[in-house]
Amino acid sequence: MQLNHWHARICARTKEGTATSYTEMGSLPLRFYTGCIIIIGGNMNIIDHLKVHLVREHHLEPVEQVTFPEIRIIRNAGLEFVGTGKTWGSILSVALVLADSITEERMASLSETFFSFTHSLRKYAGRMPPIPLIGTKLGSFGLLCFVFEREPDSKLITFIQKQKHGSAWSQDYCLSWILDVHNARVYRHDGLPLKMPPGEEYFRGLLYEYQVALSSGR
């Protein structure tokens, strides 16, 4: 699924990043972000759409642009995007993969591989307070998003939600979410933790925005 034509709307966002309104404005697509305008559209698929905003708004650096050796763990894993960055001293990594055509076995394998990667990054996390050998070591956390352009069935959703590794105690949990593009719905992981950045509302807003873009581009 792609945005095959230039499409236009103004997207107003709250400070939390949730899409709140859209307005058709002729032939040029514009997005407003606290004083800046971002042009979007033209042959952008859902992975590109999500990736652009994760990099720009959450400062996640695509792993192919970083130099740490742990990238070898996921270099050939088959993930469409992996971005990593620091959030209050902790490491946050987000991965995207198109999941319509992959098996449950493959999904479980991707989850394990991504956890191996995110767990390996904990050495780069900071401390709180930031005092060597005294402050508490912070964690490295991962969110693997299985992106479906067709509506996934409930059995598959449940299976993915259970793909969890690590723990809050060890500061290394890695979770799996489902992004249902067709319905602009987000299915979070099963159980704790209750919240995980970038957040359900954030992804839901991006999916809804993408659907609006598709509709206006037809």
N, C-alpha and C. Protein backbone atom coordinates (compact mmCIF):
# COMPACT_ATOMS: atom_id res chain seq x y z
N MET A 1 0.84 -1.19 0.00
CA MET A 1 0.00 0.00 0.00
C MET A 1 0.88 1.24 0.00
N GLN A 2 0.65 2.15 -0.95
CA GLN A 2 1.49 3.33 -1.07
C GLN A 2 0.64 4.58 -1.29
N LEU A 3 1.24 5.71 -0.98
CA LEU A 3 0.64 6.98 -1.32
C LEU A 3 1.06 7.28 -2.76
N ASN A 4 0.22 6.91 -3.73
CA ASN A 4 0.61 6.97 -5.13
C ASN A 4 0.51 8.36 -5.74
N HIS A 5 -0.12 9.28 -5.04
CA HIS A 5 -0.27 10.63 -5.57
C HIS A 5 0.07 11.61 -4.46
N TRP A 6 0.44 12.82 -4.87
CA TRP A 6 0.59 13.86 -3.87
C TRP A 6 -0.78 14.17 -3.31
N HIS A 7 -0.89 14.24 -2.01
CA HIS A 7 -2.15 14.50 -1.35
C HIS A 7 -1.94 15.61 -0.34
N ALA A 8 -3.02 16.21 0.13
CA ALA A 8 -2.85 17.41 0.93
C ALA A 8 -3.74 17.42 2.15
N ARG A 9 -3.18 17.83 3.28
CA ARG A 9 -3.96 18.14 4.45
C ARG A 9 -3.10 18.86 5.45
N ILE A 10 -3.72 19.58 6.31
CA ILE A 10 -3.02 20.15 7.45
C ILE A 10 -3.32 19.25 8.62
N CYS A 11 -2.30 18.81 9.30
CA CYS A 11 -2.47 17.94 10.46
C CYS A 11 -2.10 18.71 11.71
N ALA A 12 -3.06 18.97 12.56
CA ALA A 12 -2.76 19.63 13.83
C ALA A 12 -2.49 18.57 14.86
N ARG A 13 -1.41 18.72 15.63
CA ARG A 13 -1.06 17.73 16.64
C ARG A 13 -0.98 18.39 18.00
N THR A 14 -1.36 17.64 19.02
CA THR A 14 -1.20 18.12 20.37
C THR A 14 0.25 17.97 20.77
N LYS A 15 0.62 18.46 21.92
CA LYS A 15 1.99 18.33 22.40
C LYS A 15 2.36 16.87 22.61
N GLU A 16 1.34 16.02 22.87
CA GLU A 16 1.62 14.60 23.06
C GLU A 16 1.82 13.87 21.75
N GLY A 17 1.56 14.55 20.62
CA GLY A 17 1.81 13.93 19.33
C GLY A 17 0.62 13.22 18.73
N THR A 18 -0.59 13.38 19.29
CA THR A 18 -1.76 12.71 18.76
C THR A 18 -2.40 13.53 17.66
N ALA A 19 -2.69 12.90 16.53
CA ALA A 19 -3.35 13.61 15.45
C ALA A 19 -4.74 14.03 15.90
N THR A 20 -5.10 15.30 15.65
CA THR A 20 -6.38 15.79 16.14
C THR A 20 -7.30 16.30 15.05
N SER A 21 -6.76 16.79 13.95
CA SER A 21 -7.65 17.29 12.90
C SER A 21 -6.92 17.34 11.57
N TYR A 22 -7.70 17.27 10.51
CA TYR A 22 -7.14 17.31 9.17
C TYR A 22 -7.99 18.25 8.32
N THR A 23 -7.38 19.00 7.43
CA THR A 23 -8.10 19.92 6.57
C THR A 23 -7.52 19.82 5.16
N GLU A 24 -8.38 19.66 4.17
CA GLU A 24 -7.92 19.62 2.78
C GLU A 24 -7.54 21.03 2.34
N MET A 25 -6.39 21.18 1.73
CA MET A 25 -5.89 22.50 1.33
C MET A 25 -5.28 22.45 -0.06
N GLY A 26 -6.06 22.07 -1.06
CA GLY A 26 -5.55 22.11 -2.43
C GLY A 26 -4.66 20.93 -2.74
N SER A 27 -3.53 21.17 -3.38
CA SER A 27 -2.73 20.08 -3.94
C SER A 27 -1.41 19.85 -3.22
N LEU A 28 -1.11 20.61 -2.17
CA LEU A 28 0.19 20.46 -1.52
C LEU A 28 0.01 19.95 -0.10
N PRO A 29 0.61 18.80 0.25
CA PRO A 29 0.44 18.26 1.59
C PRO A 29 1.35 18.94 2.60
N LEU A 30 0.80 19.41 3.68
CA LEU A 30 1.56 20.12 4.69
C LEU A 30 1.26 19.53 6.06
N ARG A 31 2.28 19.51 6.92
CA ARG A 31 2.07 19.14 8.32
C ARG A 31 2.69 20.21 9.18
N PHE A 32 1.98 20.60 10.22
CA PHE A 32 2.47 21.65 11.11
C PHE A 32 3.02 21.04 12.39
N TYR A 33 4.23 21.43 12.76
CA TYR A 33 4.88 20.96 13.97
C TYR A 33 5.50 22.16 14.68
N THR A 34 4.78 22.76 15.57
CA THR A 34 5.29 23.85 16.40
C THR A 34 6.27 24.74 15.65
N GLY A 35 5.78 25.36 14.59
CA GLY A 35 6.60 26.34 13.91
C GLY A 35 7.29 25.86 12.66
N CYS A 36 7.23 24.55 12.36
CA CYS A 36 7.86 24.08 11.14
C CYS A 36 6.84 23.39 10.27
N ILE A 37 7.10 23.33 8.98
CA ILE A 37 6.21 22.67 8.03
C ILE A 37 6.98 21.54 7.37
N ILE A 38 6.35 20.37 7.33
CA ILE A 38 7.00 19.20 6.75
C ILE A 38 6.19 18.73 5.54
N ILE A 39 6.84 18.57 4.41
CA ILE A 39 6.16 18.11 3.21
C ILE A 39 6.14 16.59 3.20
N ILE A 40 4.95 16.02 2.96
CA ILE A 40 4.87 14.56 2.89
C ILE A 40 4.09 14.16 1.65
N GLY A 41 4.23 12.91 1.25
CA GLY A 41 3.45 12.40 0.14
C GLY A 41 4.34 11.79 -0.92
N GLY A 42 3.71 11.37 -2.03
CA GLY A 42 4.45 10.88 -3.18
C GLY A 42 5.13 9.55 -2.96
N ASN A 43 4.46 8.43 -3.29
CA ASN A 43 5.05 7.09 -3.27
C ASN A 43 5.67 6.72 -1.92
N MET A 44 5.08 7.14 -0.84
CA MET A 44 5.58 6.75 0.48
C MET A 44 4.72 5.61 1.02
N ASN A 45 5.34 4.46 1.33
CA ASN A 45 4.58 3.35 1.89
C ASN A 45 4.50 3.49 3.41
N ILE A 46 3.82 2.57 4.05
CA ILE A 46 3.55 2.69 5.48
C ILE A 46 4.85 2.63 6.29
N ILE A 47 5.80 1.79 5.90
CA ILE A 47 7.06 1.72 6.64
C ILE A 47 7.81 3.05 6.54
N ASP A 48 7.87 3.61 5.34
CA ASP A 48 8.51 4.91 5.17
C ASP A 48 7.84 5.97 6.03
N HIS A 49 6.52 5.95 6.03
CA HIS A 49 5.75 6.93 6.79
C HIS A 49 6.08 6.85 8.28
N LEU A 50 6.06 5.65 8.83
CA LEU A 50 6.37 5.47 10.25
C LEU A 50 7.82 5.82 10.55
N LYS A 51 8.71 5.37 9.69
CA LYS A 51 10.15 5.58 9.89
C LYS A 51 10.50 7.07 9.93
N VAL A 52 9.96 7.83 8.99
CA VAL A 52 10.25 9.26 8.93
C VAL A 52 9.91 9.94 10.25
N HIS A 53 8.78 9.60 10.80
CA HIS A 53 8.34 10.28 12.03
C HIS A 53 9.06 9.77 13.27
N LEU A 54 9.39 8.51 13.31
CA LEU A 54 10.16 7.99 14.44
C LEU A 54 11.54 8.64 14.50
N VAL A 55 12.15 8.80 13.35
CA VAL A 55 13.48 9.42 13.29
C VAL A 55 13.39 10.90 13.65
N ARG A 56 12.41 11.58 13.08
CA ARG A 56 12.32 13.03 13.27
C ARG A 56 11.79 13.41 14.65
N GLU A 57 10.78 12.72 15.10
CA GLU A 57 10.08 13.14 16.32
C GLU A 57 10.60 12.47 17.59
N HIS A 58 11.16 11.29 17.45
CA HIS A 58 11.68 10.59 18.63
C HIS A 58 13.20 10.42 18.57
N HIS A 59 13.83 11.01 17.57
CA HIS A 59 15.28 11.06 17.48
C HIS A 59 15.90 9.66 17.52
N LEU A 60 15.24 8.72 16.84
CA LEU A 60 15.80 7.38 16.72
C LEU A 60 16.70 7.34 15.49
N GLU A 61 17.92 6.95 15.70
CA GLU A 61 18.88 6.93 14.60
C GLU A 61 18.86 5.56 13.93
N PRO A 62 18.65 5.49 12.61
CA PRO A 62 18.69 4.20 11.91
C PRO A 62 20.01 3.49 12.19
N VAL A 63 19.95 2.21 12.52
CA VAL A 63 21.16 1.52 12.97
C VAL A 63 22.23 1.43 11.89
N GLU A 64 21.84 1.54 10.63
CA GLU A 64 22.86 1.50 9.58
C GLU A 64 23.73 2.75 9.60
N GLN A 65 23.31 3.74 10.35
CA GLN A 65 24.09 4.98 10.43
C GLN A 65 24.94 5.06 11.69
N VAL A 66 24.89 4.04 12.54
CA VAL A 66 25.70 4.03 13.75
C VAL A 66 26.83 3.03 13.60
N THR A 67 27.78 3.11 14.51
CA THR A 67 29.01 2.33 14.33
C THR A 67 29.23 1.24 15.37
N PHE A 68 28.32 1.09 16.35
CA PHE A 68 28.60 0.08 17.36
C PHE A 68 28.55 -1.33 16.76
N PRO A 69 29.39 -2.22 17.24
CA PRO A 69 29.53 -3.55 16.62
C PRO A 69 28.30 -4.44 16.76
N GLU A 70 27.42 -4.15 17.73
CA GLU A 70 26.26 -5.01 17.97
C GLU A 70 25.28 -5.03 16.80
N ILE A 71 25.43 -4.11 15.86
CA ILE A 71 24.54 -4.10 14.70
C ILE A 71 24.61 -5.41 13.92
N ARG A 72 25.71 -6.15 14.08
CA ARG A 72 25.85 -7.41 13.35
C ARG A 72 24.72 -8.39 13.71
N ILE A 73 24.14 -8.24 14.91
CA ILE A 73 23.10 -9.16 15.37
C ILE A 73 21.86 -9.07 14.49
N ILE A 74 21.55 -7.87 14.00
CA ILE A 74 20.31 -7.69 13.24
C ILE A 74 20.55 -7.28 11.79
N ARG A 75 21.79 -7.22 11.38
CA ARG A 75 22.09 -6.71 10.03
C ARG A 75 21.31 -7.46 8.96
N ASN A 76 21.21 -8.76 9.05
CA ASN A 76 20.53 -9.55 8.03
C ASN A 76 19.27 -10.22 8.57
N ALA A 77 18.65 -9.60 9.57
CA ALA A 77 17.49 -10.21 10.21
C ALA A 77 16.22 -10.09 9.37
N GLY A 78 16.17 -9.12 8.45
CA GLY A 78 14.98 -8.95 7.62
C GLY A 78 13.99 -7.94 8.16
N LEU A 79 14.43 -7.10 9.09
CA LEU A 79 13.58 -6.03 9.60
C LEU A 79 13.63 -4.83 8.66
N GLU A 80 12.47 -4.22 8.41
CA GLU A 80 12.44 -3.08 7.48
C GLU A 80 13.11 -1.84 8.06
N PHE A 81 13.03 -1.69 9.37
CA PHE A 81 13.63 -0.53 10.02
C PHE A 81 13.97 -0.87 11.45
N VAL A 82 15.15 -0.42 11.88
CA VAL A 82 15.53 -0.46 13.29
C VAL A 82 16.16 0.89 13.62
N GLY A 83 15.61 1.55 14.62
CA GLY A 83 16.16 2.82 15.07
C GLY A 83 16.43 2.77 16.56
N THR A 84 17.48 3.45 16.98
CA THR A 84 17.83 3.42 18.40
C THR A 84 18.26 4.81 18.86
N GLY A 85 18.00 5.09 20.12
CA GLY A 85 18.36 6.39 20.69
C GLY A 85 18.27 6.33 22.20
N LYS A 86 18.58 7.45 22.84
CA LYS A 86 18.54 7.52 24.31
C LYS A 86 17.31 8.29 24.77
N THR A 87 16.67 7.78 25.82
CA THR A 87 15.53 8.43 26.45
C THR A 87 15.80 8.51 27.94
N TRP A 88 16.10 9.71 28.41
CA TRP A 88 16.43 9.91 29.83
C TRP A 88 17.55 8.97 30.28
N GLY A 89 18.51 8.74 29.44
CA GLY A 89 19.66 7.92 29.79
C GLY A 89 19.52 6.45 29.42
N SER A 90 18.28 5.97 29.27
CA SER A 90 18.06 4.59 28.84
C SER A 90 18.13 4.50 27.32
N ILE A 91 18.40 3.31 26.81
CA ILE A 91 18.42 3.07 25.38
C ILE A 91 17.04 2.59 24.94
N LEU A 92 16.50 3.20 23.91
CA LEU A 92 15.24 2.76 23.32
C LEU A 92 15.47 2.39 21.87
N SER A 93 15.06 1.18 21.49
CA SER A 93 15.15 0.74 20.10
C SER A 93 13.77 0.34 19.62
N VAL A 94 13.43 0.77 18.41
CA VAL A 94 12.14 0.44 17.80
C VAL A 94 12.40 -0.19 16.44
N ALA A 95 11.72 -1.30 16.18
CA ALA A 95 11.87 -2.00 14.90
C ALA A 95 10.51 -2.14 14.23
N LEU A 96 10.52 -2.12 12.90
CA LEU A 96 9.32 -2.29 12.09
C LEU A 96 9.53 -3.43 11.11
N VAL A 97 8.48 -4.26 10.96
CA VAL A 97 8.55 -5.32 9.95
C VAL A 97 7.16 -5.53 9.37
N LEU A 98 7.06 -5.62 8.05
CA LEU A 98 5.81 -5.97 7.40
C LEU A 98 5.51 -7.43 7.68
N ALA A 99 4.32 -7.71 8.20
CA ALA A 99 4.08 -9.04 8.76
C ALA A 99 2.98 -9.83 8.06
N ASP A 100 2.38 -9.30 7.01
CA ASP A 100 1.25 -9.99 6.37
C ASP A 100 1.61 -11.38 5.87
N SER A 101 2.86 -11.56 5.45
CA SER A 101 3.22 -12.81 4.77
C SER A 101 4.23 -13.66 5.53
N ILE A 102 4.47 -13.37 6.80
CA ILE A 102 5.45 -14.17 7.53
C ILE A 102 4.75 -15.09 8.54
N THR A 103 5.39 -16.20 8.85
CA THR A 103 4.81 -17.22 9.71
C THR A 103 5.01 -16.88 11.19
N GLU A 104 4.27 -17.56 12.03
CA GLU A 104 4.43 -17.38 13.47
C GLU A 104 5.84 -17.76 13.91
N GLU A 105 6.38 -18.81 13.33
CA GLU A 105 7.75 -19.22 13.65
C GLU A 105 8.74 -18.11 13.33
N ARG A 106 8.55 -17.47 12.19
CA ARG A 106 9.42 -16.37 11.79
C ARG A 106 9.24 -15.17 12.72
N MET A 107 8.02 -14.91 13.13
CA MET A 107 7.76 -13.81 14.06
C MET A 107 8.47 -14.03 15.39
N ALA A 108 8.39 -15.26 15.90
CA ALA A 108 9.06 -15.58 17.16
C ALA A 108 10.56 -15.44 17.02
N SER A 109 11.09 -15.85 15.88
CA SER A 109 12.53 -15.74 15.64
C SER A 109 12.98 -14.29 15.58
N LEU A 110 12.18 -13.44 14.91
CA LEU A 110 12.51 -12.02 14.84
C LEU A 110 12.48 -11.38 16.23
N SER A 111 11.50 -11.78 17.03
CA SER A 111 11.40 -11.25 18.38
C SER A 111 12.63 -11.61 19.21
N GLU A 112 13.08 -12.83 19.10
CA GLU A 112 14.26 -13.27 19.84
C GLU A 112 15.52 -12.56 19.36
N THR A 113 15.65 -12.42 18.05
CA THR A 113 16.82 -11.74 17.49
C THR A 113 16.86 -10.27 17.91
N PHE A 114 15.70 -9.63 17.86
CA PHE A 114 15.65 -8.22 18.24
C PHE A 114 15.97 -8.04 19.72
N PHE A 115 15.51 -8.96 20.54
CA PHE A 115 15.84 -8.90 21.97
C PHE A 115 17.34 -9.07 22.19
N SER A 116 17.95 -9.99 21.46
CA SER A 116 19.40 -10.17 21.57
C SER A 116 20.13 -8.86 21.27
N PHE A 117 19.63 -8.15 20.28
CA PHE A 117 20.21 -6.86 19.92
C PHE A 117 20.00 -5.82 21.02
N THR A 118 18.76 -5.63 21.44
CA THR A 118 18.48 -4.58 22.43
C THR A 118 19.15 -4.88 23.76
N HIS A 119 19.20 -6.14 24.15
CA HIS A 119 19.86 -6.52 25.41
C HIS A 119 21.35 -6.19 25.34
N SER A 120 21.94 -6.36 24.17
CA SER A 120 23.39 -6.13 24.02
C SER A 120 23.75 -4.65 24.13
N LEU A 121 22.76 -3.77 24.01
CA LEU A 121 23.03 -2.32 24.05
C LEU A 121 23.02 -1.75 25.46
N ARG A 122 22.70 -2.56 26.46
CA ARG A 122 22.57 -2.00 27.79
C ARG A 122 23.88 -1.40 28.29
N LYS A 123 24.98 -1.89 27.79
CA LYS A 123 26.28 -1.35 28.20
C LYS A 123 26.42 0.12 27.86
N TYR A 124 25.61 0.60 26.89
CA TYR A 124 25.69 1.99 26.47
C TYR A 124 24.72 2.91 27.24
N ALA A 125 23.90 2.31 28.08
CA ALA A 125 22.95 3.11 28.86
C ALA A 125 23.67 3.92 29.92
N GLY A 126 23.03 4.99 30.36
CA GLY A 126 23.62 5.85 31.37
C GLY A 126 23.33 5.38 32.78
N ARG A 127 23.59 6.24 33.74
CA ARG A 127 23.32 5.97 35.15
C ARG A 127 22.51 7.10 35.75
N MET A 128 21.79 6.76 36.83
CA MET A 128 21.00 7.75 37.53
C MET A 128 21.25 7.60 39.04
N PRO A 129 21.86 8.62 39.69
CA PRO A 129 22.42 9.83 39.08
C PRO A 129 23.63 9.49 38.20
N PRO A 130 24.01 10.38 37.30
CA PRO A 130 25.06 10.08 36.32
C PRO A 130 26.47 10.11 36.92
N ILE A 131 26.72 9.22 37.88
CA ILE A 131 28.01 9.15 38.55
C ILE A 131 28.58 7.75 38.34
N PRO A 132 29.72 7.60 37.68
CA PRO A 132 30.29 6.27 37.41
C PRO A 132 30.46 5.45 38.69
N LEU A 133 30.06 4.19 38.63
CA LEU A 133 30.21 3.20 39.70
C LEU A 133 29.32 3.45 40.90
N ILE A 134 28.59 4.56 40.90
CA ILE A 134 27.71 4.87 42.03
C ILE A 134 26.25 4.89 41.59
N GLY A 135 25.95 5.60 40.52
CA GLY A 135 24.58 5.70 40.05
C GLY A 135 24.05 4.35 39.58
N THR A 136 22.72 4.20 39.64
CA THR A 136 22.07 2.97 39.19
C THR A 136 22.12 2.88 37.67
N LYS A 137 22.56 1.73 37.18
CA LYS A 137 22.64 1.52 35.73
C LYS A 137 21.25 1.49 35.13
N LEU A 138 21.02 2.29 34.10
CA LEU A 138 19.74 2.31 33.40
C LEU A 138 19.68 1.20 32.37
N GLY A 139 18.54 1.10 31.69
CA GLY A 139 18.30 -0.07 30.86
C GLY A 139 18.33 0.17 29.36
N SER A 140 18.10 -0.93 28.64
CA SER A 140 17.96 -0.91 27.19
C SER A 140 16.68 -1.65 26.85
N PHE A 141 15.76 -0.95 26.19
CA PHE A 141 14.43 -1.49 25.96
C PHE A 141 14.11 -1.53 24.47
N GLY A 142 13.29 -2.48 24.07
CA GLY A 142 12.97 -2.63 22.66
C GLY A 142 11.49 -2.77 22.40
N LEU A 143 11.05 -2.24 21.27
CA LEU A 143 9.66 -2.39 20.82
C LEU A 143 9.69 -2.83 19.36
N LEU A 144 9.19 -4.05 19.12
CA LEU A 144 9.12 -4.61 17.78
C LEU A 144 7.69 -4.50 17.29
N CYS A 145 7.49 -3.76 16.21
CA CYS A 145 6.15 -3.52 15.67
C CYS A 145 5.93 -4.38 14.42
N PHE A 146 4.97 -5.29 14.52
CA PHE A 146 4.56 -6.09 13.37
C PHE A 146 3.48 -5.32 12.64
N VAL A 147 3.78 -4.88 11.43
CA VAL A 147 2.89 -4.00 10.67
C VAL A 147 2.09 -4.82 9.67
N PHE A 148 0.76 -4.74 9.78
CA PHE A 148 -0.14 -5.49 8.90
C PHE A 148 -0.93 -4.52 8.03
N GLU A 149 -0.82 -4.67 6.73
CA GLU A 149 -1.64 -3.88 5.82
C GLU A 149 -3.03 -4.48 5.66
N ARG A 150 -3.14 -5.79 5.88
CA ARG A 150 -4.44 -6.44 5.94
C ARG A 150 -4.76 -6.75 7.41
N GLU A 151 -6.03 -6.77 7.73
CA GLU A 151 -6.44 -6.97 9.12
C GLU A 151 -5.99 -8.34 9.64
N PRO A 152 -5.19 -8.41 10.72
CA PRO A 152 -4.74 -9.70 11.26
C PRO A 152 -5.86 -10.37 12.06
N ASP A 153 -5.85 -11.70 12.08
CA ASP A 153 -6.88 -12.39 12.85
C ASP A 153 -6.53 -12.39 14.34
N SER A 154 -7.51 -12.65 15.17
CA SER A 154 -7.36 -12.53 16.62
C SER A 154 -6.34 -13.52 17.18
N LYS A 155 -6.26 -14.71 16.60
CA LYS A 155 -5.30 -15.70 17.07
C LYS A 155 -3.87 -15.21 16.87
N LEU A 156 -3.62 -14.60 15.73
CA LEU A 156 -2.28 -14.09 15.42
C LEU A 156 -1.95 -12.90 16.32
N ILE A 157 -2.92 -12.06 16.57
CA ILE A 157 -2.71 -10.92 17.47
C ILE A 157 -2.29 -11.41 18.84
N THR A 158 -2.99 -12.40 19.36
CA THR A 158 -2.67 -12.95 20.69
C THR A 158 -1.27 -13.55 20.70
N PHE A 159 -0.90 -14.25 19.63
CA PHE A 159 0.42 -14.86 19.55
C PHE A 159 1.52 -13.79 19.61
N ILE A 160 1.35 -12.72 18.84
CA ILE A 160 2.36 -11.66 18.82
C ILE A 160 2.45 -10.94 20.16
N GLN A 161 1.31 -10.68 20.79
CA GLN A 161 1.30 -9.98 22.07
C GLN A 161 2.11 -10.73 23.13
N LYS A 162 2.24 -12.02 22.98
CA LYS A 162 2.97 -12.83 23.96
C LYS A 162 4.46 -12.91 23.68
N GLN A 163 4.90 -12.29 22.58
CA GLN A 163 6.33 -12.31 22.24
C GLN A 163 7.06 -11.24 23.06
N LYS A 164 7.36 -11.58 24.30
CA LYS A 164 8.02 -10.67 25.23
C LYS A 164 9.28 -11.31 25.76
N HIS A 165 10.29 -10.50 26.00
CA HIS A 165 11.55 -11.00 26.54
C HIS A 165 12.08 -10.01 27.56
N GLY A 166 12.94 -10.50 28.45
CA GLY A 166 13.53 -9.64 29.46
C GLY A 166 12.52 -9.29 30.54
N SER A 167 12.85 -8.28 31.34
CA SER A 167 11.98 -7.90 32.45
C SER A 167 12.30 -6.48 32.89
N ALA A 168 11.36 -5.89 33.62
CA ALA A 168 11.60 -4.57 34.20
C ALA A 168 12.69 -4.65 35.27
N TRP A 169 12.72 -5.76 35.99
CA TRP A 169 13.72 -5.94 37.04
C TRP A 169 15.15 -5.89 36.47
N SER A 170 15.34 -6.53 35.33
CA SER A 170 16.67 -6.54 34.71
C SER A 170 16.88 -5.38 33.75
N GLN A 171 15.87 -4.51 33.63
CA GLN A 171 16.00 -3.30 32.79
C GLN A 171 16.31 -3.63 31.33
N ASP A 172 15.64 -4.65 30.80
CA ASP A 172 15.95 -5.04 29.42
C ASP A 172 14.76 -5.59 28.66
N TYR A 173 13.55 -5.23 29.08
CA TYR A 173 12.40 -5.87 28.42
C TYR A 173 12.28 -5.43 26.96
N CYS A 174 11.77 -6.37 26.16
CA CYS A 174 11.59 -6.18 24.72
C CYS A 174 10.19 -6.67 24.38
N LEU A 175 9.36 -5.81 23.81
CA LEU A 175 7.94 -6.08 23.63
C LEU A 175 7.56 -6.13 22.16
N SER A 176 6.40 -6.71 21.89
CA SER A 176 5.89 -6.81 20.51
C SER A 176 4.50 -6.22 20.42
N TRP A 177 4.31 -5.33 19.46
CA TRP A 177 3.01 -4.72 19.19
C TRP A 177 2.56 -5.04 17.78
N ILE A 178 1.26 -4.89 17.55
CA ILE A 178 0.67 -5.08 16.23
C ILE A 178 0.12 -3.74 15.75
N LEU A 179 0.52 -3.32 14.56
CA LEU A 179 -0.02 -2.12 13.94
C LEU A 179 -0.90 -2.56 12.78
N ASP A 180 -2.20 -2.39 12.94
CA ASP A 180 -3.19 -2.76 11.93
C ASP A 180 -3.46 -1.53 11.06
N VAL A 181 -2.82 -1.47 9.91
CA VAL A 181 -2.90 -0.30 9.05
C VAL A 181 -4.31 -0.11 8.52
N HIS A 182 -4.97 -1.19 8.12
CA HIS A 182 -6.29 -1.12 7.51
C HIS A 182 -7.31 -0.44 8.43
N ASN A 183 -7.24 -0.76 9.71
CA ASN A 183 -8.21 -0.21 10.67
C ASN A 183 -7.62 0.88 11.56
N ALA A 184 -6.36 1.25 11.31
CA ALA A 184 -5.67 2.25 12.13
C ALA A 184 -5.77 1.89 13.61
N ARG A 185 -5.46 0.63 13.92
CA ARG A 185 -5.54 0.16 15.30
C ARG A 185 -4.17 -0.33 15.77
N VAL A 186 -3.96 -0.21 17.06
CA VAL A 186 -2.71 -0.65 17.69
C VAL A 186 -3.05 -1.65 18.78
N TYR A 187 -2.39 -2.81 18.75
CA TYR A 187 -2.57 -3.81 19.80
C TYR A 187 -1.25 -3.91 20.57
N ARG A 188 -1.29 -3.55 21.83
CA ARG A 188 -0.10 -3.53 22.66
C ARG A 188 0.24 -4.95 23.15
N HIS A 189 1.38 -5.05 23.80
CA HIS A 189 1.84 -6.32 24.36
C HIS A 189 0.89 -6.81 25.46
N ASP A 190 1.03 -8.05 25.82
CA ASP A 190 0.23 -8.65 26.86
C ASP A 190 0.84 -8.36 28.23
N GLY A 191 0.06 -7.77 29.14
CA GLY A 191 0.52 -7.58 30.52
C GLY A 191 1.39 -6.35 30.72
N LEU A 192 2.27 -6.44 31.73
CA LEU A 192 3.16 -5.33 32.07
C LEU A 192 4.35 -5.26 31.11
N PRO A 193 4.98 -4.08 31.00
CA PRO A 193 4.68 -2.79 31.64
C PRO A 193 3.45 -2.14 31.01
N LEU A 194 2.84 -1.22 31.75
CA LEU A 194 1.61 -0.60 31.29
C LEU A 194 1.85 0.37 30.13
N LYS A 195 3.02 1.00 30.09
CA LYS A 195 3.31 1.97 29.04
C LYS A 195 4.65 1.67 28.39
N MET A 196 4.73 2.05 27.12
CA MET A 196 5.96 1.86 26.38
C MET A 196 6.05 2.96 25.32
N PRO A 197 7.10 3.76 25.32
CA PRO A 197 7.24 4.76 24.28
C PRO A 197 7.55 4.10 22.93
N PRO A 198 7.14 4.73 21.82
CA PRO A 198 6.54 6.06 21.70
C PRO A 198 5.08 6.15 22.16
N GLY A 199 4.40 5.04 22.40
CA GLY A 199 3.04 5.06 22.91
C GLY A 199 2.00 4.64 21.89
N GLU A 200 0.91 4.06 22.40
CA GLU A 200 -0.18 3.61 21.54
C GLU A 200 -0.82 4.76 20.77
N GLU A 201 -1.10 5.85 21.46
CA GLU A 201 -1.76 6.98 20.81
C GLU A 201 -0.91 7.57 19.70
N TYR A 202 0.40 7.57 19.92
CA TYR A 202 1.30 8.10 18.90
C TYR A 202 1.19 7.28 17.61
N PHE A 203 1.29 5.96 17.72
CA PHE A 203 1.20 5.11 16.53
C PHE A 203 -0.20 5.15 15.93
N ARG A 204 -1.22 5.19 16.78
CA ARG A 204 -2.58 5.27 16.25
C ARG A 204 -2.77 6.54 15.42
N GLY A 205 -2.20 7.63 15.89
CA GLY A 205 -2.29 8.87 15.14
C GLY A 205 -1.61 8.78 13.79
N LEU A 206 -0.44 8.14 13.75
CA LEU A 206 0.27 8.00 12.48
C LEU A 206 -0.48 7.09 11.50
N LEU A 207 -1.08 6.02 12.02
CA LEU A 207 -1.85 5.12 11.16
C LEU A 207 -3.08 5.83 10.59
N TYR A 208 -3.76 6.59 11.45
CA TYR A 208 -4.93 7.33 10.99
C TYR A 208 -4.53 8.37 9.94
N GLU A 209 -3.44 9.02 10.19
CA GLU A 209 -2.93 10.02 9.25
C GLU A 209 -2.63 9.38 7.89
N TYR A 210 -2.05 8.19 7.93
CA TYR A 210 -1.73 7.48 6.69
C TYR A 210 -3.00 7.11 5.93
N GLN A 211 -4.04 6.67 6.67
CA GLN A 211 -5.30 6.34 6.04
C GLN A 211 -5.94 7.56 5.39
N VAL A 212 -5.90 8.69 6.07
CA VAL A 212 -6.42 9.94 5.50
C VAL A 212 -5.67 10.30 4.23
N ALA A 213 -4.36 10.11 4.27
CA ALA A 213 -3.53 10.41 3.10
C ALA A 213 -3.90 9.53 1.92
N LEU A 214 -4.11 8.24 2.19
CA LEU A 214 -4.52 7.32 1.12
C LEU A 214 -5.85 7.74 0.51
N SER A 215 -6.80 8.09 1.37
CA SER A 215 -8.12 8.46 0.89
C SER A 215 -8.09 9.73 0.05
N SER A 216 -7.32 10.69 0.50
CA SER A 216 -7.27 11.96 -0.22
C SER A 216 -6.44 11.87 -1.49
N GLY A 217 -5.63 10.80 -1.60
CA GLY A 217 -4.78 10.65 -2.77
C GLY A 217 -5.43 9.87 -3.90
N ARG A 218 -6.64 9.36 -3.66
CA ARG A 218 -7.27 8.55 -4.69
C ARG A 218 -8.02 9.39 -5.69
